Amino acid sequence: IDECFEHVGRVMNQEAAFFFTFNEGKEVERPNYKTFKYPFSFFEGLGAEHGFRVCNCSDDYDHPRAMRMAVLMRR
């Protein structure tokens, strides 16, 4: 995720938005490559490190597997 946030800005113009889904948890959990959970604050902090703001837009999107939706935007 860090590598994605580091490089995605190369293909984003100032008005671009990068939407992504995630499994929400109280803390970072990655017991294997298929099972993972992150608190939203994880993405906020990582986005700030790379010059982005991250907004939780989960209430605007229904996901068939109850994943959460967020959007990464330039500051």
C-alpha atoms as a PDB file:
ATOM      1  CA  ILE A   1       0.000   0.000   0.000  1.00  0.00           C
ATOM      2  CA  ASP A   2       2.871   2.338   0.813  1.00  0.00           C
ATOM      3  CA  GLU A   3       4.404   1.659  -2.609  1.00  0.00           C
ATOM      4  CA  CYS A   4       1.046   2.286  -4.312  1.00  0.00           C
ATOM      5  CA  PHE A   5       0.560   5.608  -2.513  1.00  0.00           C
ATOM      6  CA  GLU A   6       4.160   6.546  -3.312  1.00  0.00           C
ATOM      7  CA  HIS A   7       3.764   6.036  -7.073  1.00  0.00           C
ATOM      8  CA  VAL A   8       0.091   6.615  -7.914  1.00  0.00           C
ATOM      9  CA  GLY A   9       0.667  10.376  -8.000  1.00  0.00           C
ATOM     10  CA  ARG A  10       2.742   9.931 -11.150  1.00  0.00           C
ATOM     11  CA  VAL A  11      -0.379   9.140 -13.155  1.00  0.00           C
ATOM     12  CA  MET A  12      -2.791  11.492 -11.349  1.00  0.00           C
ATOM     13  CA  ASN A  13      -3.433  15.066 -12.424  1.00  0.00           C
ATOM     14  CA  GLN A  14      -4.549  17.666  -9.861  1.00  0.00           C
ATOM     15  CA  GLU A  15      -8.247  16.785 -10.233  1.00  0.00           C
ATOM     16  CA  ALA A  16      -7.825  12.992 -10.270  1.00  0.00           C
ATOM     17  CA  ALA A  17      -9.237  10.677  -7.616  1.00  0.00           C
ATOM     18  CA  PHE A  18      -8.007   7.161  -6.801  1.00  0.00           C
ATOM     19  CA  PHE A  19     -10.771   5.003  -5.317  1.00  0.00           C
ATOM     20  CA  PHE A  20      -9.944   1.847  -3.369  1.00  0.00           C
ATOM     21  CA  THR A  21     -11.670  -0.647  -1.135  1.00  0.00           C
ATOM     22  CA  PHE A  22     -10.418  -2.109   2.135  1.00  0.00           C
ATOM     23  CA  ASN A  23     -11.490  -4.352   4.979  1.00  0.00           C
ATOM     24  CA  GLU A  24     -11.845  -2.241   8.092  1.00  0.00           C
ATOM     25  CA  GLY A  25     -10.456  -3.317  11.453  1.00  0.00           C
ATOM     26  CA  LYS A  26      -9.500  -1.682  14.731  1.00  0.00           C
ATOM     27  CA  GLU A  27      -5.808  -2.255  13.991  1.00  0.00           C
ATOM     28  CA  VAL A  28      -3.652  -3.459  11.106  1.00  0.00           C
ATOM     29  CA  GLU A  29      -4.075  -7.218  10.614  1.00  0.00           C
ATOM     30  CA  ARG A  30      -2.255  -9.088   7.819  1.00  0.00           C
ATOM     31  CA  PRO A  31      -1.912 -12.743   8.807  1.00  0.00           C
ATOM     32  CA  ASN A  32      -1.552 -13.769   5.132  1.00  0.00           C
ATOM     33  CA  TYR A  33      -1.816 -12.276   1.655  1.00  0.00           C
ATOM     34  CA  LYS A  34      -5.572 -12.875   1.365  1.00  0.00           C
ATOM     35  CA  THR A  35      -6.658 -11.768   4.821  1.00  0.00           C
ATOM     36  CA  PHE A  36      -6.159  -8.154   5.821  1.00  0.00           C
ATOM     37  CA  LYS A  37      -7.814  -5.401   7.852  1.00  0.00           C
ATOM     38  CA  TYR A  38      -6.836  -1.781   8.350  1.00  0.00           C
ATOM     39  CA  PRO A  39      -8.200   1.096  10.402  1.00  0.00           C
ATOM     40  CA  PHE A  40      -9.101   4.092   8.230  1.00  0.00           C
ATOM     41  CA  SER A  41      -6.483   6.126  10.127  1.00  0.00           C
ATOM     42  CA  PHE A  42      -3.789   3.913   8.541  1.00  0.00           C
ATOM     43  CA  PHE A  43      -4.707   5.280   5.098  1.00  0.00           C
ATOM     44  CA  GLU A  44      -5.034   8.860   6.362  1.00  0.00           C
ATOM     45  CA  GLY A  45      -1.497   8.765   7.777  1.00  0.00           C
ATOM     46  CA  LEU A  46       0.021   7.091   4.743  1.00  0.00           C
ATOM     47  CA  GLY A  47      -1.755   9.502   2.418  1.00  0.00           C
ATOM     48  CA  ALA A  48      -0.439  12.494   4.368  1.00  0.00           C
ATOM     49  CA  GLU A  49       3.109  11.126   4.105  1.00  0.00           C
ATOM     50  CA  HIS A  50       2.769  11.140   0.317  1.00  0.00           C
ATOM     51  CA  GLY A  51       0.968  14.479  -0.068  1.00  0.00           C
ATOM     52  CA  PHE A  52      -2.594  13.203  -0.368  1.00  0.00           C
ATOM     53  CA  ARG A  53      -5.779  13.476   1.592  1.00  0.00           C
ATOM     54  CA  VAL A  54      -7.914  10.386   2.025  1.00  0.00           C
ATOM     55  CA  CYS A  55     -11.674  10.508   2.480  1.00  0.00           C
ATOM     56  CA  ASN A  56     -13.850   7.663   3.695  1.00  0.00           C
ATOM     57  CA  CYS A  57     -16.787   7.463   1.295  1.00  0.00           C
ATOM     58  CA  SER A  58     -18.103   4.098   2.472  1.00  0.00           C
ATOM     59  CA  ASP A  59     -21.565   5.443   3.227  1.00  0.00           C
ATOM     60  CA  ASP A  60     -21.966   6.386  -0.454  1.00  0.00           C
ATOM     61  CA  TYR A  61     -21.200   2.903  -1.827  1.00  0.00           C
ATOM     62  CA  ASP A  62     -22.643  -0.508  -1.055  1.00  0.00           C
ATOM     63  CA  HIS A  63     -20.127  -3.304  -1.425  1.00  0.00           C
ATOM     64  CA  PRO A  64     -21.269  -6.915  -1.922  1.00  0.00           C
ATOM     65  CA  ARG A  65     -18.703  -8.220   0.607  1.00  0.00           C
ATOM     66  CA  ALA A  66     -19.066  -5.317   3.081  1.00  0.00           C
ATOM     67  CA  MET A  67     -15.688  -3.805   2.217  1.00  0.00           C
ATOM     68  CA  ARG A  68     -15.212  -0.084   2.841  1.00  0.00           C
ATOM     69  CA  MET A  69     -14.562   2.524   0.110  1.00  0.00           C
ATOM     70  CA  ALA A  70     -12.072   5.383   0.266  1.00  0.00           C
ATOM     71  CA  VAL A  71     -10.733   7.943  -2.166  1.00  0.00           C
ATOM     72  CA  LEU A  72      -7.209   9.352  -2.395  1.00  0.00           C
ATOM     73  CA  MET A  73      -6.855  12.929  -3.715  1.00  0.00           C
ATOM     74  CA  ARG A  74      -4.077  15.464  -4.034  1.00  0.00           C
ATOM     75  CA  ARG A  75      -4.005  18.144  -1.371  1.00  0.00           C
END
